[in-house]
C-alpha atoms as a PDB file:
ATOM      1  CA  UNK A   1      48.941   9.185  95.447  1.00  0.00           C
ATOM      2  CA  UNK A   2      45.823   7.090  96.064  1.00  0.00           C
ATOM      3  CA  UNK A   3      44.448   5.799  92.746  1.00  0.00           C
ATOM      4  CA  UNK A   4      40.813   4.753  92.408  1.00  0.00           C
ATOM      5  CA  UNK A   5      40.362   1.362  90.694  1.00  0.00           C
ATOM      6  CA  UNK A   6      36.559   1.428  90.719  1.00  0.00           C
ATOM      7  CA  UNK A   7      34.137   3.039  88.252  1.00  0.00           C
ATOM      8  CA  UNK A   8      31.439   5.715  88.116  1.00  0.00           C
ATOM      9  CA  UNK A   9      28.047   5.662  86.434  1.00  0.00           C
ATOM     10  CA  UNK A  10      29.031   7.722  83.383  1.00  0.00           C
ATOM     11  CA  UNK A  11      30.295   6.748  79.922  1.00  0.00           C
ATOM     12  CA  UNK A  12      34.073   6.475  79.807  1.00  0.00           C
ATOM     13  CA  UNK A  13      37.149   6.483  77.587  1.00  0.00           C
ATOM     14  CA  UNK A  14      40.001   4.083  78.377  1.00  0.00           C
ATOM     15  CA  UNK A  15      43.520   5.221  77.478  1.00  0.00           C
ATOM     16  CA  UNK A  16      46.443   2.793  77.407  1.00  0.00           C
ATOM     17  CA  UNK A  17      50.128   2.964  76.508  1.00  0.00           C
ATOM     18  CA  UNK A  18      52.810   5.448  77.569  1.00  0.00           C
ATOM     19  CA  UNK A  19      52.137   8.795  75.836  1.00  0.00           C
ATOM     20  CA  UNK A  20      51.404  11.412  78.513  1.00  0.00           C
ATOM     21  CA  UNK A  21      51.004  14.182  75.906  1.00  0.00           C
ATOM     22  CA  UNK A  22      48.107  12.244  74.389  1.00  0.00           C
ATOM     23  CA  UNK A  23      46.716  11.868  77.907  1.00  0.00           C
ATOM     24  CA  UNK A  24      46.885  15.612  78.528  1.00  0.00           C
ATOM     25  CA  UNK A  25      45.184  16.507  75.249  1.00  0.00           C
ATOM     26  CA  UNK A  26      42.438  13.913  75.737  1.00  0.00           C
ATOM     27  CA  UNK A  27      41.710  15.203  79.253  1.00  0.00           C
ATOM     28  CA  UNK A  28      41.574  18.802  78.063  1.00  0.00           C
ATOM     29  CA  UNK A  29      39.300  18.066  75.086  1.00  0.00           C
ATOM     30  CA  UNK A  30      36.883  15.894  77.098  1.00  0.00           C
ATOM     31  CA  UNK A  31      36.622  17.984  80.280  1.00  0.00           C
ATOM     32  CA  UNK A  32      33.104  19.359  79.646  1.00  0.00           C
ATOM     33  CA  UNK A  33      31.725  16.404  77.694  1.00  0.00           C
ATOM     34  CA  UNK A  34      30.133  14.368  80.491  1.00  0.00           C
ATOM     35  CA  UNK A  35      32.550  11.534  79.691  1.00  0.00           C
ATOM     36  CA  UNK A  36      34.952  10.066  82.275  1.00  0.00           C
ATOM     37  CA  UNK A  37      38.584   9.112  81.573  1.00  0.00           C
ATOM     38  CA  UNK A  38      40.267   5.943  82.875  1.00  0.00           C
ATOM     39  CA  UNK A  39      43.821   4.670  82.415  1.00  0.00           C
ATOM     40  CA  UNK A  40      44.823   1.103  81.596  1.00  0.00           C
ATOM     41  CA  UNK A  41      48.089  -0.823  81.728  1.00  0.00           C
ATOM     42  CA  UNK A  42      51.189   1.339  81.412  1.00  0.00           C
ATOM     43  CA  UNK A  43      49.154   4.572  81.550  1.00  0.00           C
ATOM     44  CA  UNK A  44      48.388   3.948  85.251  1.00  0.00           C
ATOM     45  CA  UNK A  45      51.184   6.346  86.391  1.00  0.00           C
ATOM     46  CA  UNK A  46      49.329   9.270  84.760  1.00  0.00           C
ATOM     47  CA  UNK A  47      47.247   9.159  87.952  1.00  0.00           C
ATOM     48  CA  UNK A  48      50.333  10.173  89.948  1.00  0.00           C
ATOM     49  CA  UNK A  49      51.007  13.476  88.149  1.00  0.00           C
ATOM     50  CA  UNK A  50      49.813  16.605  90.033  1.00  0.00           C
ATOM     51  CA  UNK A  51      49.046  18.378  86.741  1.00  0.00           C
ATOM     52  CA  UNK A  52      46.293  15.888  85.908  1.00  0.00           C
ATOM     53  CA  UNK A  53      44.571  16.072  89.299  1.00  0.00           C
ATOM     54  CA  UNK A  54      42.698  19.230  88.272  1.00  0.00           C
ATOM     55  CA  UNK A  55      40.503  17.190  85.913  1.00  0.00           C
ATOM     56  CA  UNK A  56      37.433  16.027  87.847  1.00  0.00           C
ATOM     57  CA  UNK A  57      36.466  13.583  85.102  1.00  0.00           C
ATOM     58  CA  UNK A  58      39.776  11.690  85.424  1.00  0.00           C
ATOM     59  CA  UNK A  59      38.431   8.813  87.522  1.00  0.00           C
ATOM     60  CA  UNK A  60      41.351   6.407  87.977  1.00  0.00           C
ATOM     61  CA  UNK A  61      42.689   3.131  86.576  1.00  0.00           C
ATOM     62  CA  UNK A  62      40.651   0.320  85.036  1.00  0.00           C
ATOM     63  CA  UNK A  63      42.028  -3.191  84.859  1.00  0.00           C
ATOM     64  CA  UNK A  64      45.502  -4.633  84.847  1.00  0.00           C
ATOM     65  CA  UNK A  65      48.488  -5.374  82.602  1.00  0.00           C
ATOM     66  CA  UNK A  66      48.382  -5.392  78.796  1.00  0.00           C
ATOM     67  CA  UNK A  67      47.842  -9.135  78.361  1.00  0.00           C
ATOM     68  CA  UNK A  68      44.412  -9.039  80.051  1.00  0.00           C
ATOM     69  CA  UNK A  69      43.040  -6.436  77.650  1.00  0.00           C
ATOM     70  CA  UNK A  70      40.895  -8.799  75.560  1.00  0.00           C
ATOM     71  CA  UNK A  71      38.779  -9.462  78.660  1.00  0.00           C
ATOM     72  CA  UNK A  72      38.917  -5.965  80.159  1.00  0.00           C
ATOM     73  CA  UNK A  73      38.348  -3.960  76.954  1.00  0.00           C
ATOM     74  CA  UNK A  74      35.198  -5.982  76.334  1.00  0.00           C
ATOM     75  CA  UNK A  75      33.862  -5.120  79.806  1.00  0.00           C
ATOM     76  CA  UNK A  76      34.783  -1.445  79.613  1.00  0.00           C
ATOM     77  CA  UNK A  77      31.914  -0.785  77.142  1.00  0.00           C
ATOM     78  CA  UNK A  78      33.361   2.524  75.898  1.00  0.00           C
ATOM     79  CA  UNK A  79      36.074   3.486  73.382  1.00  0.00           C
ATOM     80  CA  UNK A  80      39.728   2.634  73.987  1.00  0.00           C
ATOM     81  CA  UNK A  81      42.727   4.693  72.852  1.00  0.00           C
ATOM     82  CA  UNK A  82      46.051   2.894  72.333  1.00  0.00           C
ATOM     83  CA  UNK A  83      48.930   5.393  72.424  1.00  0.00           C
ATOM     84  CA  UNK A  84      51.866   2.946  72.235  1.00  0.00           C
ATOM     85  CA  UNK A  85      52.366  -0.655  71.215  1.00  0.00           C
ATOM     86  CA  UNK A  86      50.823  -2.740  73.972  1.00  0.00           C
ATOM     87  CA  UNK A  87      47.998  -3.784  71.653  1.00  0.00           C
ATOM     88  CA  UNK A  88      46.753  -7.374  71.504  1.00  0.00           C
ATOM     89  CA  UNK A  89      44.800  -8.332  68.345  1.00  0.00           C
ATOM     90  CA  UNK A  90      41.290  -7.160  69.300  1.00  0.00           C
ATOM     91  CA  UNK A  91      38.174  -9.320  69.395  1.00  0.00           C
ATOM     92  CA  UNK A  92      35.361  -8.554  66.973  1.00  0.00           C
ATOM     93  CA  UNK A  93      33.119  -7.838  69.989  1.00  0.00           C
ATOM     94  CA  UNK A  94      34.933  -4.555  70.747  1.00  0.00           C
ATOM     95  CA  UNK A  95      37.125  -3.947  67.686  1.00  0.00           C
ATOM     96  CA  UNK A  96      34.929  -1.050  66.525  1.00  0.00           C
ATOM     97  CA  UNK A  97      35.643   0.765  69.821  1.00  0.00           C
ATOM     98  CA  UNK A  98      39.461   0.673  69.605  1.00  0.00           C
ATOM     99  CA  UNK A  99      41.347   3.722  68.307  1.00  0.00           C
ATOM    100  CA  UNK A 100      45.088   3.895  67.660  1.00  0.00           C
ATOM    101  CA  UNK A 101      47.417   6.880  67.472  1.00  0.00           C
ATOM    102  CA  UNK A 102      51.116   7.638  67.081  1.00  0.00           C
ATOM    103  CA  UNK A 103      53.195   4.549  66.280  1.00  0.00           C
ATOM    104  CA  UNK A 104      50.281   2.160  66.886  1.00  0.00           C
ATOM    105  CA  UNK A 105      48.316   0.712  64.002  1.00  0.00           C
ATOM    106  CA  UNK A 106      46.241  -2.376  63.278  1.00  0.00           C
ATOM    107  CA  UNK A 107      44.142  -3.419  60.256  1.00  0.00           C
ATOM    108  CA  UNK A 108      40.541  -2.282  60.582  1.00  0.00           C
ATOM    109  CA  UNK A 109      41.080   0.038  63.571  1.00  0.00           C
ATOM    110  CA  UNK A 110      40.411   3.780  63.442  1.00  0.00           C
ATOM    111  CA  UNK A 111      43.565   5.920  63.686  1.00  0.00           C
ATOM    112  CA  UNK A 112      43.856   9.406  65.215  1.00  0.00           C
ATOM    113  CA  UNK A 113      46.274  11.427  63.008  1.00  0.00           C
ATOM    114  CA  UNK A 114      49.452  13.019  64.343  1.00  0.00           C
ATOM    115  CA  UNK A 115      49.725  16.668  65.391  1.00  0.00           C
ATOM    116  CA  UNK A 116      50.106  19.215  62.592  1.00  0.00           C
ATOM    117  CA  UNK A 117      51.969  22.523  63.060  1.00  0.00           C
ATOM    118  CA  UNK A 118      52.085  22.016  66.819  1.00  0.00           C
ATOM    119  CA  UNK A 119      48.301  21.819  67.167  1.00  0.00           C
ATOM    120  CA  UNK A 120      46.775  19.144  69.448  1.00  0.00           C
ATOM    121  CA  UNK A 121      45.519  15.859  68.041  1.00  0.00           C
ATOM    122  CA  UNK A 122      41.770  15.741  67.426  1.00  0.00           C
ATOM    123  CA  UNK A 123      40.223  13.251  69.842  1.00  0.00           C
ATOM    124  CA  UNK A 124      36.619  14.327  69.116  1.00  0.00           C
ATOM    125  CA  UNK A 125      35.701  11.041  67.312  1.00  0.00           C
ATOM    126  CA  UNK A 126      36.525   9.109  70.500  1.00  0.00           C
ATOM    127  CA  UNK A 127      34.660  11.558  72.741  1.00  0.00           C
ATOM    128  CA  UNK A 128      31.561  11.506  70.518  1.00  0.00           C
ATOM    129  CA  UNK A 129      31.540   7.696  70.446  1.00  0.00           C
ATOM    130  CA  UNK A 130      31.886   7.553  74.239  1.00  0.00           C
ATOM    131  CA  UNK A 131      28.750   9.667  74.739  1.00  0.00           C
ATOM    132  CA  UNK A 132      26.699   6.905  73.091  1.00  0.00           C
ATOM    133  CA  UNK A 133      28.197   4.044  75.137  1.00  0.00           C
ATOM    134  CA  UNK A 134      27.193   2.427  78.407  1.00  0.00           C
ATOM    135  CA  UNK A 135      29.282   3.133  81.539  1.00  0.00           C
ATOM    136  CA  UNK A 136      32.104   0.661  82.203  1.00  0.00           C
ATOM    137  CA  UNK A 137      31.318  -2.584  84.006  1.00  0.00           C
ATOM    138  CA  UNK A 138      33.004  -2.428  87.409  1.00  0.00           C
ATOM    139  CA  UNK A 139      35.575  -5.210  87.821  1.00  0.00           C
ATOM    140  CA  UNK A 140      37.324  -3.961  90.980  1.00  0.00           C
ATOM    141  CA  UNK A 141      36.899  -1.415  93.747  1.00  0.00           C
ATOM    142  CA  UNK A 142      39.126   0.389  96.220  1.00  0.00           C
ATOM    143  CA  UNK A 143      42.435   2.184  95.742  1.00  0.00           C
ATOM    144  CA  UNK A 144      46.114   1.497  95.117  1.00  0.00           C
ATOM    145  CA  UNK A 145      49.102   3.706  95.970  1.00  0.00           C
ATOM    146  CA  UNK A 146      51.777   5.005  93.586  1.00  0.00           C
ATOM    147  CA  UNK A 147      53.832   8.004  92.584  1.00  0.00           C
ATOM    148  CA  UNK A 148      57.235   7.223  94.088  1.00  0.00           C
ATOM    149  CA  UNK A 149      59.668   8.451  91.456  1.00  0.00           C
ATOM    150  CA  UNK A 150      63.086   9.579  92.694  1.00  0.00           C
ATOM    151  CA  UNK A 151      62.073  13.120  93.728  1.00  0.00           C
ATOM    152  CA  UNK A 152      59.260  11.810  95.918  1.00  0.00           C
ATOM    153  CA  UNK A 153      61.379   9.046  97.460  1.00  0.00           C
ATOM    154  CA  UNK A 154      64.241  11.443  98.154  1.00  0.00           C
ATOM    155  CA  UNK A 155      61.750  13.792  99.832  1.00  0.00           C
ATOM    156  CA  UNK A 156      61.303  10.881 102.251  1.00  0.00           C
ATOM    157  CA  UNK A 157      65.070  10.289 102.419  1.00  0.00           C
ATOM    158  CA  UNK A 158      65.427  11.101 106.128  1.00  0.00           C
ATOM    159  CA  UNK A 159      62.601   8.710 106.988  1.00  0.00           C
ATOM    160  CA  UNK A 160      64.005   5.982 104.706  1.00  0.00           C
ATOM    161  CA  UNK A 161      67.565   6.322 106.059  1.00  0.00           C
ATOM    162  CA  UNK A 162      66.294   6.291 109.655  1.00  0.00           C
ATOM    163  CA  UNK A 163      64.274   3.134 108.934  1.00  0.00           C
ATOM    164  CA  UNK A 164      67.350   1.410 107.469  1.00  0.00           C
ATOM    165  CA  UNK A 165      69.610   2.495 110.329  1.00  0.00           C
ATOM    166  CA  UNK A 166      67.098   1.333 112.952  1.00  0.00           C
ATOM    167  CA  UNK A 167      66.669  -2.035 111.232  1.00  0.00           C
ATOM    168  CA  UNK A 168      62.986  -1.386 110.444  1.00  0.00           C
ATOM    169  CA  UNK A 169      63.884  -1.793 106.754  1.00  0.00           C
ATOM    170  CA  UNK A 170      66.300  -4.672 106.226  1.00  0.00           C
ATOM    171  CA  UNK A 171      66.309  -4.751 102.451  1.00  0.00           C
ATOM    172  CA  UNK A 172      64.969  -3.160  99.264  1.00  0.00           C
ATOM    173  CA  UNK A 173      64.038  -5.466  96.391  1.00  0.00           C
ATOM    174  CA  UNK A 174      63.844  -3.965  92.891  1.00  0.00           C
ATOM    175  CA  UNK A 175      61.105  -5.874  91.051  1.00  0.00           C
ATOM    176  CA  UNK A 176      60.727  -3.677  87.978  1.00  0.00           C
ATOM    177  CA  UNK A 177      60.090  -4.833  84.428  1.00  0.00           C
ATOM    178  CA  UNK A 178      57.378  -6.355  82.284  1.00  0.00           C
ATOM    179  CA  UNK A 179      54.400  -8.610  82.853  1.00  0.00           C
ATOM    180  CA  UNK A 180      53.131 -11.371  80.576  1.00  0.00           C
ATOM    181  CA  UNK A 181      50.524 -14.109  80.454  1.00  0.00           C
ATOM    182  CA  UNK A 182      52.754 -17.064  81.352  1.00  0.00           C
ATOM    183  CA  UNK A 183      51.969 -18.832  84.633  1.00  0.00           C
ATOM    184  CA  UNK A 184      55.658 -18.750  85.565  1.00  0.00           C
ATOM    185  CA  UNK A 185      55.211 -15.018  86.248  1.00  0.00           C
ATOM    186  CA  UNK A 186      53.160 -15.878  89.336  1.00  0.00           C
ATOM    187  CA  UNK A 187      56.624 -16.182  90.872  1.00  0.00           C
ATOM    188  CA  UNK A 188      56.598 -12.394  91.349  1.00  0.00           C
ATOM    189  CA  UNK A 189      53.242 -12.443  93.159  1.00  0.00           C
ATOM    190  CA  UNK A 190      54.420 -15.253  95.416  1.00  0.00           C
ATOM    191  CA  UNK A 191      57.731 -13.488  96.058  1.00  0.00           C
ATOM    192  CA  UNK A 192      56.012 -10.220  97.010  1.00  0.00           C
ATOM    193  CA  UNK A 193      53.609 -12.032  99.346  1.00  0.00           C
ATOM    194  CA  UNK A 194      56.394 -14.053 100.967  1.00  0.00           C
ATOM    195  CA  UNK A 195      59.093 -11.401 101.431  1.00  0.00           C
ATOM    196  CA  UNK A 196      59.696 -10.548 105.112  1.00  0.00           C
ATOM    197  CA  UNK A 197      57.687  -7.594 106.396  1.00  0.00           C
ATOM    198  CA  UNK A 198      60.895  -5.573 106.882  1.00  0.00           C
ATOM    199  CA  UNK A 199      61.498  -5.380 103.109  1.00  0.00           C
ATOM    200  CA  UNK A 200      60.387  -2.712 100.617  1.00  0.00           C
ATOM    201  CA  UNK A 201      59.701  -3.417  96.926  1.00  0.00           C
ATOM    202  CA  UNK A 202      60.831  -0.800  94.381  1.00  0.00           C
ATOM    203  CA  UNK A 203      59.016  -1.175  91.074  1.00  0.00           C
ATOM    204  CA  UNK A 204      58.292   0.361  87.668  1.00  0.00           C
ATOM    205  CA  UNK A 205      56.676  -1.017  84.525  1.00  0.00           C
ATOM    206  CA  UNK A 206      53.722  -3.374  84.211  1.00  0.00           C
ATOM    207  CA  UNK A 207      55.424  -6.068  86.323  1.00  0.00           C
ATOM    208  CA  UNK A 208      53.851  -4.162  89.238  1.00  0.00           C
ATOM    209  CA  UNK A 209      50.427  -5.592  88.409  1.00  0.00           C
ATOM    210  CA  UNK A 210      51.583  -8.931  89.826  1.00  0.00           C
ATOM    211  CA  UNK A 211      51.569  -7.453  93.353  1.00  0.00           C
ATOM    212  CA  UNK A 212      50.427  -3.795  93.473  1.00  0.00           C
ATOM    213  CA  UNK A 213      46.947  -4.769  94.658  1.00  0.00           C
ATOM    214  CA  UNK A 214      48.158  -6.983  97.499  1.00  0.00           C
ATOM    215  CA  UNK A 215      47.750  -5.599 101.001  1.00  0.00           C
ATOM    216  CA  UNK A 216      51.441  -5.546 101.943  1.00  0.00           C
ATOM    217  CA  UNK A 217      51.176  -2.690 104.449  1.00  0.00           C
ATOM    218  CA  UNK A 218      53.860  -0.139 105.294  1.00  0.00           C
ATOM    219  CA  UNK A 219      56.961   0.363 107.444  1.00  0.00           C
ATOM    220  CA  UNK A 220      56.747   3.451 109.657  1.00  0.00           C
ATOM    221  CA  UNK A 221      54.472   5.094 107.085  1.00  0.00           C
ATOM    222  CA  UNK A 222      56.592   4.039 104.081  1.00  0.00           C
ATOM    223  CA  UNK A 223      54.510   1.808 101.751  1.00  0.00           C
ATOM    224  CA  UNK A 224      56.095  -1.596 101.148  1.00  0.00           C
ATOM    225  CA  UNK A 225      55.560  -1.181  97.391  1.00  0.00           C
ATOM    226  CA  UNK A 226      57.055   2.027  95.982  1.00  0.00           C
ATOM    227  CA  UNK A 227      55.962   2.408  92.354  1.00  0.00           C
ATOM    228  CA  UNK A 228      58.111   4.812  90.319  1.00  0.00           C
ATOM    229  CA  UNK A 229      55.829   4.625  87.265  1.00  0.00           C
ATOM    230  CA  UNK A 230      56.144   3.348  83.705  1.00  0.00           C
ATOM    231  CA  UNK A 231      58.919   1.054  82.481  1.00  0.00           C
ATOM    232  CA  UNK A 232      60.795   4.117  81.200  1.00  0.00           C
ATOM    233  CA  UNK A 233      60.665   5.481  84.771  1.00  0.00           C
ATOM    234  CA  UNK A 234      63.071   2.724  85.828  1.00  0.00           C
ATOM    235  CA  UNK A 235      65.580   5.565  85.568  1.00  0.00           C
ATOM    236  CA  UNK A 236      64.148   6.721  88.905  1.00  0.00           C
ATOM    237  CA  UNK A 237      65.071   3.425  90.553  1.00  0.00           C
ATOM    238  CA  UNK A 238      68.683   3.861  89.439  1.00  0.00           C
ATOM    239  CA  UNK A 239      68.695   7.449  90.764  1.00  0.00           C
ATOM    240  CA  UNK A 240      67.269   6.254  94.100  1.00  0.00           C
ATOM    241  CA  UNK A 241      70.043   3.652  94.397  1.00  0.00           C
ATOM    242  CA  UNK A 242      72.752   6.220  93.591  1.00  0.00           C
ATOM    243  CA  UNK A 243      71.284   8.752  96.045  1.00  0.00           C
ATOM    244  CA  UNK A 244      71.121   6.125  98.804  1.00  0.00           C
ATOM    245  CA  UNK A 245      74.728   5.156  98.058  1.00  0.00           C
ATOM    246  CA  UNK A 246      75.665   8.812  98.524  1.00  0.00           C
ATOM    247  CA  UNK A 247      73.536   9.204 101.675  1.00  0.00           C
ATOM    248  CA  UNK A 248      75.141   6.179 103.327  1.00  0.00           C
ATOM    249  CA  UNK A 249      78.638   7.250 102.249  1.00  0.00           C
ATOM    250  CA  UNK A 250      79.326   4.020 100.358  1.00  0.00           C
ATOM    251  CA  UNK A 251      81.925   3.581  97.623  1.00  0.00           C
ATOM    252  CA  UNK A 252      80.149   0.725  95.828  1.00  0.00           C
ATOM    253  CA  UNK A 253      76.487   0.473  94.778  1.00  0.00           C
ATOM    254  CA  UNK A 254      76.605  -3.246  95.599  1.00  0.00           C
ATOM    255  CA  UNK A 255      77.126  -2.477  99.305  1.00  0.00           C
ATOM    256  CA  UNK A 256      73.582  -1.097  99.541  1.00  0.00           C
ATOM    257  CA  UNK A 257      70.878  -3.330 101.065  1.00  0.00           C
ATOM    258  CA  UNK A 258      69.263  -3.647  97.609  1.00  0.00           C
ATOM    259  CA  UNK A 259      68.598  -6.801  95.584  1.00  0.00           C
ATOM    260  CA  UNK A 260      67.394  -6.915  91.976  1.00  0.00           C
ATOM    261  CA  UNK A 261      64.771  -9.381  90.748  1.00  0.00           C
ATOM    262  CA  UNK A 262      63.810  -8.149  87.271  1.00  0.00           C
ATOM    263  CA  UNK A 263      60.951  -9.451  85.118  1.00  0.00           C
ATOM    264  CA  UNK A 264      61.940  -9.081  81.479  1.00  0.00           C
ATOM    265  CA  UNK A 265      59.780  -9.452  78.363  1.00  0.00           C
ATOM    266  CA  UNK A 266      61.033  -7.243  75.545  1.00  0.00           C
ATOM    267  CA  UNK A 267      63.501  -4.566  74.517  1.00  0.00           C
ATOM    268  CA  UNK A 268      62.673  -1.893  77.111  1.00  0.00           C
ATOM    269  CA  UNK A 269      63.351  -4.311  79.965  1.00  0.00           C
ATOM    270  CA  UNK A 270      66.620  -5.281  78.289  1.00  0.00           C
ATOM    271  CA  UNK A 271      67.584  -1.585  78.146  1.00  0.00           C
ATOM    272  CA  UNK A 272      66.904  -1.296  81.891  1.00  0.00           C
ATOM    273  CA  UNK A 273      69.039  -4.395  82.439  1.00  0.00           C
ATOM    274  CA  UNK A 274      71.946  -2.941  80.421  1.00  0.00           C
ATOM    275  CA  UNK A 275      71.704   0.342  82.366  1.00  0.00           C
ATOM    276  CA  UNK A 276      72.046  -1.567  85.646  1.00  0.00           C
ATOM    277  CA  UNK A 277      75.104  -3.390  84.302  1.00  0.00           C
ATOM    278  CA  UNK A 278      76.576  -0.037  83.254  1.00  0.00           C
ATOM    279  CA  UNK A 279      76.173   1.180  86.850  1.00  0.00           C
ATOM    280  CA  UNK A 280      78.093  -1.878  88.015  1.00  0.00           C
ATOM    281  CA  UNK A 281      75.161  -3.628  89.706  1.00  0.00           C
ATOM    282  CA  UNK A 282      75.901  -7.294  90.380  1.00  0.00           C
ATOM    283  CA  UNK A 283      73.806 -10.282  91.382  1.00  0.00           C
ATOM    284  CA  UNK A 284      70.709  -9.424  89.307  1.00  0.00           C
ATOM    285  CA  UNK A 285      68.063 -12.124  89.037  1.00  0.00           C
ATOM    286  CA  UNK A 286      66.230 -12.259  85.706  1.00  0.00           C
ATOM    287  CA  UNK A 287      63.009 -14.104  85.082  1.00  0.00           C
ATOM    288  CA  UNK A 288      60.996 -16.000  84.253  1.00  0.00           C
ATOM    289  CA  UNK A 289      63.963 -17.214  82.139  1.00  0.00           C
ATOM    290  CA  UNK A 290      67.231 -15.749  80.923  1.00  0.00           C
ATOM    291  CA  UNK A 291      66.743 -14.030  77.528  1.00  0.00           C
ATOM    292  CA  UNK A 292      67.029 -16.579  74.716  1.00  0.00           C
ATOM    293  CA  UNK A 293      68.764 -14.064  72.429  1.00  0.00           C
ATOM    294  CA  UNK A 294      71.876 -14.000  74.633  1.00  0.00           C
ATOM    295  CA  UNK A 295      74.628 -15.759  72.720  1.00  0.00           C
ATOM    296  CA  UNK A 296      76.671 -18.266  74.747  1.00  0.00           C
ATOM    297  CA  UNK A 297      79.646 -15.875  74.820  1.00  0.00           C
ATOM    298  CA  UNK A 298      77.605 -12.849  75.971  1.00  0.00           C
ATOM    299  CA  UNK A 299      75.829 -14.956  78.600  1.00  0.00           C
ATOM    300  CA  UNK A 300      79.216 -16.190  79.836  1.00  0.00           C
ATOM    301  CA  UNK A 301      80.520 -12.608  80.198  1.00  0.00           C
ATOM    302  CA  UNK A 302      77.533 -11.261  82.144  1.00  0.00           C
ATOM    303  CA  UNK A 303      77.342 -14.331  84.391  1.00  0.00           C
ATOM    304  CA  UNK A 304      81.065 -14.283  85.180  1.00  0.00           C
ATOM    305  CA  UNK A 305      81.485 -10.500  85.507  1.00  0.00           C
ATOM    306  CA  UNK A 306      78.119  -9.486  86.947  1.00  0.00           C
ATOM    307  CA  UNK A 307      76.834 -12.653  88.651  1.00  0.00           C
ATOM    308  CA  UNK A 308      73.568 -12.487  86.684  1.00  0.00           C
ATOM    309  CA  UNK A 309      71.361 -15.479  87.457  1.00  0.00           C
ATOM    310  CA  UNK A 310      67.908 -16.857  86.630  1.00  0.00           C
ATOM    311  CA  UNK A 311      65.153 -16.840  89.239  1.00  0.00           C
ATOM    312  CA  UNK A 312      64.727 -20.041  91.239  1.00  0.00           C
ATOM    313  CA  UNK A 313      62.207 -21.232  93.812  1.00  0.00           C
ATOM    314  CA  UNK A 314      60.559 -18.413  95.781  1.00  0.00           C
ATOM    315  CA  UNK A 315      61.591 -19.438  99.305  1.00  0.00           C
ATOM    316  CA  UNK A 316      65.146 -20.263  98.271  1.00  0.00           C
ATOM    317  CA  UNK A 317      65.481 -16.929  96.434  1.00  0.00           C
ATOM    318  CA  UNK A 318      64.148 -15.021  99.459  1.00  0.00           C
ATOM    319  CA  UNK A 319      66.731 -16.641 101.733  1.00  0.00           C
ATOM    320  CA  UNK A 320      69.510 -15.625  99.331  1.00  0.00           C
ATOM    321  CA  UNK A 321      68.079 -12.121  98.800  1.00  0.00           C
ATOM    322  CA  UNK A 322      68.027 -11.484 102.551  1.00  0.00           C
ATOM    323  CA  UNK A 323      71.687 -12.547 102.687  1.00  0.00           C
ATOM    324  CA  UNK A 324      72.516 -10.118  99.876  1.00  0.00           C
ATOM    325  CA  UNK A 325      73.249 -12.956  97.455  1.00  0.00           C
END
């Protein structure tokens, strides 16, 4: 799916977080209002779902990962709906335009109540506010590509397997996980830019924003960044690995030409990490640092049994990744 990252000249509502049910209800309630809808942060994958493509006022994605919201929410000019906890304490300059719902709450922000008796939430206060706002300030233009959850990737299975067998694809690198404001996370941008052109990046979660707008090209029509979706869609990356293991007739997931370079930040990324360990995946790189909450004994077990390691220098890591180390 091609996702527009520019803007139109109409008032807009920006929706962030993970709740696709909220997204559906907001789109339905705003469809004849003259107000456009944009996603932000982890809601970007809503653009990939066929069901939402029928809404002409669903424009695309605005901005980047959660930690840039204080700058981007200010420039958006219209109301913002936070559906899950990726909220940064808002500035006074736009605080009156931020709405929360579900598990999200913050002092002084307006909250949209939960559903009652199975009826949709009432998003009319957001829609009415949007009508009185200026259109969003454009901060980017063009498109990005996404929508490669396991069903879509496996629909391309013959093409993927042929590319691996011919040597056109030498290695897959799973770079899923979280993004954050620390400069050390530029490692993932530099890694994506520097990986050989016969590699494909598999991603999910907001870590993708470190490289999903780079022009990395494709391999025989297969984009070099395959985005499965939100952090909870990391499940798809595990399914892809298991399906490829089956397709190649391998008895061990670690024999696949796949390396793992995971960006962790909080509990969801840790859950993804534990799921990979459960599947027996070895040699995972974690960054920007190993989690501080790992006790010495637990760290010893996962390092010794699963060869988990911290990220290093980009060029050195790439050399090891291409050797399957």
